[in-house]
Amino acid sequence: LFSLAARTAANNSELQRNMDYRGVLVTIVASAPVDTPSVTFTIQSYNRTADAYSTILASAAITGAGTTQLKVFPGATAVANATANDQVPIEWRVAVTVADADSLTYSVDYSPLF
C-alpha cells in the first residue's frame, strides 16, 4: 500500500478491491522518527453511492519506530486500536493522518484473511 519512505503529510492508499476474502491484516513498519511525529493509520470502507469513507479501525498514534498490526476479521475479539470484529468491504483503503510536520519513515502492507 505504501513503500518504505520518509513522509510528513497525510496520505491515502489506492482504493483496494476485495473480491473474495473476509478479513485483512495491515502491517505498518515505522522507523527513523524525526523530532516528535504522531501518525495514525485508519482502515476505511468506501460507500460508492454516497462517495464517502467510513472508519472501520484506527490505530493509536504512532510516534516512534516499531511494527503495528491492524486486523479486521468477522468473529475476531475486538481490541481498541488493534482489532475489529468486522468483514472487509468490497472497497477499502488505508488513510494516514499526521498531527504535525515531523517526519516518520514507514511502510504499509496487507495480507488478506480468508
Protein backbone atom coordinates (compact mmCIF):
# COMPACT_ATOMS: atom_id res chain seq x y z
CA LEU A 1 0.00 0.00 0.00
CA PHE A 2 2.89 2.33 0.87
CA SER A 3 6.54 1.56 0.13
CA LEU A 4 9.16 2.42 2.75
CA ALA A 5 9.78 6.17 2.68
CA ALA A 6 10.02 9.18 4.96
CA ARG A 7 6.79 11.19 4.98
CA THR A 8 5.48 14.31 6.67
CA ALA A 9 1.99 14.73 5.17
CA ALA A 10 -1.39 12.97 5.26
CA ASN A 11 -1.90 10.35 2.58
CA ASN A 12 -4.41 7.76 1.33
CA SER A 13 -3.66 4.42 -0.24
CA GLU A 14 -5.16 3.46 -3.55
CA LEU A 15 -8.66 2.04 -3.21
CA GLN A 16 -8.38 -1.73 -2.69
CA ARG A 17 -10.92 -4.11 -4.22
CA ASN A 18 -11.84 -7.15 -2.15
CA MET A 19 -13.50 -9.89 -4.17
CA ASP A 20 -13.05 -13.00 -2.04
CA TYR A 21 -11.53 -12.50 1.39
CA ARG A 22 -13.30 -11.88 4.69
CA GLY A 23 -10.64 -10.00 6.61
CA VAL A 24 -7.35 -8.21 6.34
CA LEU A 25 -4.17 -7.84 8.36
CA VAL A 26 -2.49 -4.47 7.77
CA THR A 27 1.14 -4.21 8.88
CA ILE A 28 2.80 -0.85 9.49
CA VAL A 29 6.58 -0.77 9.92
CA ALA A 30 7.82 2.59 11.24
CA SER A 31 11.40 3.74 11.66
CA ALA A 32 13.59 6.84 11.73
CA PRO A 33 11.32 9.28 13.56
CA VAL A 34 12.47 12.90 13.36
CA ASP A 35 11.57 15.06 16.38
CA THR A 36 8.10 14.04 17.62
CA PRO A 37 5.95 12.65 14.79
CA SER A 38 2.42 11.47 15.52
CA VAL A 39 0.85 9.42 12.73
CA THR A 40 -2.44 7.50 12.73
CA PHE A 41 -3.40 4.77 10.25
CA THR A 42 -7.08 4.08 9.56
CA ILE A 43 -8.73 1.27 7.62
CA GLN A 44 -11.73 2.79 5.88
CA SER A 45 -14.63 1.39 3.87
CA TYR A 46 -15.83 3.19 0.76
CA ASN A 47 -19.50 3.84 0.02
CA ARG A 48 -19.72 4.38 -3.74
CA THR A 49 -23.32 5.67 -3.62
CA ALA A 50 -22.51 8.39 -1.10
CA ASP A 51 -18.92 8.84 -2.37
CA ALA A 52 -17.78 8.75 1.26
CA TYR A 53 -15.41 6.85 3.53
CA SER A 54 -16.18 5.39 6.97
CA THR A 55 -13.75 4.26 9.63
CA ILE A 56 -13.57 0.54 10.36
CA LEU A 57 -10.47 0.61 12.58
CA ALA A 58 -7.90 3.26 13.52
CA SER A 59 -4.50 2.73 15.11
CA ALA A 60 -3.29 4.57 18.15
CA ALA A 61 -0.92 7.40 17.25
CA ILE A 62 2.46 6.03 16.18
CA THR A 63 5.26 8.22 17.49
CA GLY A 64 8.38 6.09 17.04
CA ALA A 65 9.98 3.06 15.48
CA GLY A 66 8.24 -0.31 15.62
CA THR A 67 5.74 -2.63 13.96
CA THR A 68 1.99 -2.20 14.34
CA GLN A 69 -0.67 -4.57 13.04
CA LEU A 70 -4.34 -3.80 12.45
CA LYS A 71 -6.68 -6.74 11.96
CA VAL A 72 -10.24 -6.71 10.64
CA PHE A 73 -11.97 -10.09 10.65
CA PRO A 74 -15.51 -11.31 11.41
CA GLY A 75 -15.56 -13.08 14.77
CA ALA A 76 -12.29 -11.55 15.98
CA THR A 77 -12.20 -10.30 19.56
CA ALA A 78 -12.29 -6.52 19.31
CA VAL A 79 -9.29 -4.69 20.77
CA ALA A 80 -9.19 -0.89 20.71
CA ASN A 81 -6.81 0.46 18.05
CA ALA A 82 -5.77 -3.07 17.00
CA THR A 83 -8.59 -5.46 16.04
CA ALA A 84 -12.13 -5.04 14.71
CA ASN A 85 -14.85 -7.70 14.58
CA ASP A 86 -16.00 -6.83 11.08
CA GLN A 87 -15.81 -8.03 7.48
CA VAL A 88 -13.65 -6.16 4.99
CA PRO A 89 -15.94 -4.50 2.45
CA ILE A 90 -15.58 -4.74 -1.32
CA GLU A 91 -13.77 -1.39 -1.48
CA TRP A 92 -11.45 -0.13 1.22
CA ARG A 93 -8.29 1.88 1.80
CA VAL A 94 -5.80 2.93 4.45
CA ALA A 95 -5.83 6.63 5.33
CA VAL A 96 -2.84 8.22 7.03
CA THR A 97 -3.26 11.32 9.18
CA VAL A 98 -0.48 13.34 10.77
CA ALA A 99 -0.56 15.62 13.80
CA ASP A 100 2.41 17.74 12.73
CA ALA A 101 5.07 18.08 10.03
CA ASP A 102 7.67 15.89 11.78
CA SER A 103 8.95 13.05 9.60
CA LEU A 104 8.31 9.35 10.11
CA THR A 105 9.65 6.67 7.79
CA TYR A 106 7.08 3.91 7.29
CA SER A 107 5.75 1.22 5.00
CA VAL A 108 2.25 -0.29 4.95
CA ASP A 109 1.36 -3.68 3.54
CA TYR A 110 -1.59 -6.04 3.91
CA SER A 111 -2.38 -9.73 3.87
CA PRO A 112 -5.88 -10.98 3.02
CA LEU A 113 -7.51 -13.27 5.59
CA PHE A 114 -9.80 -15.97 4.22
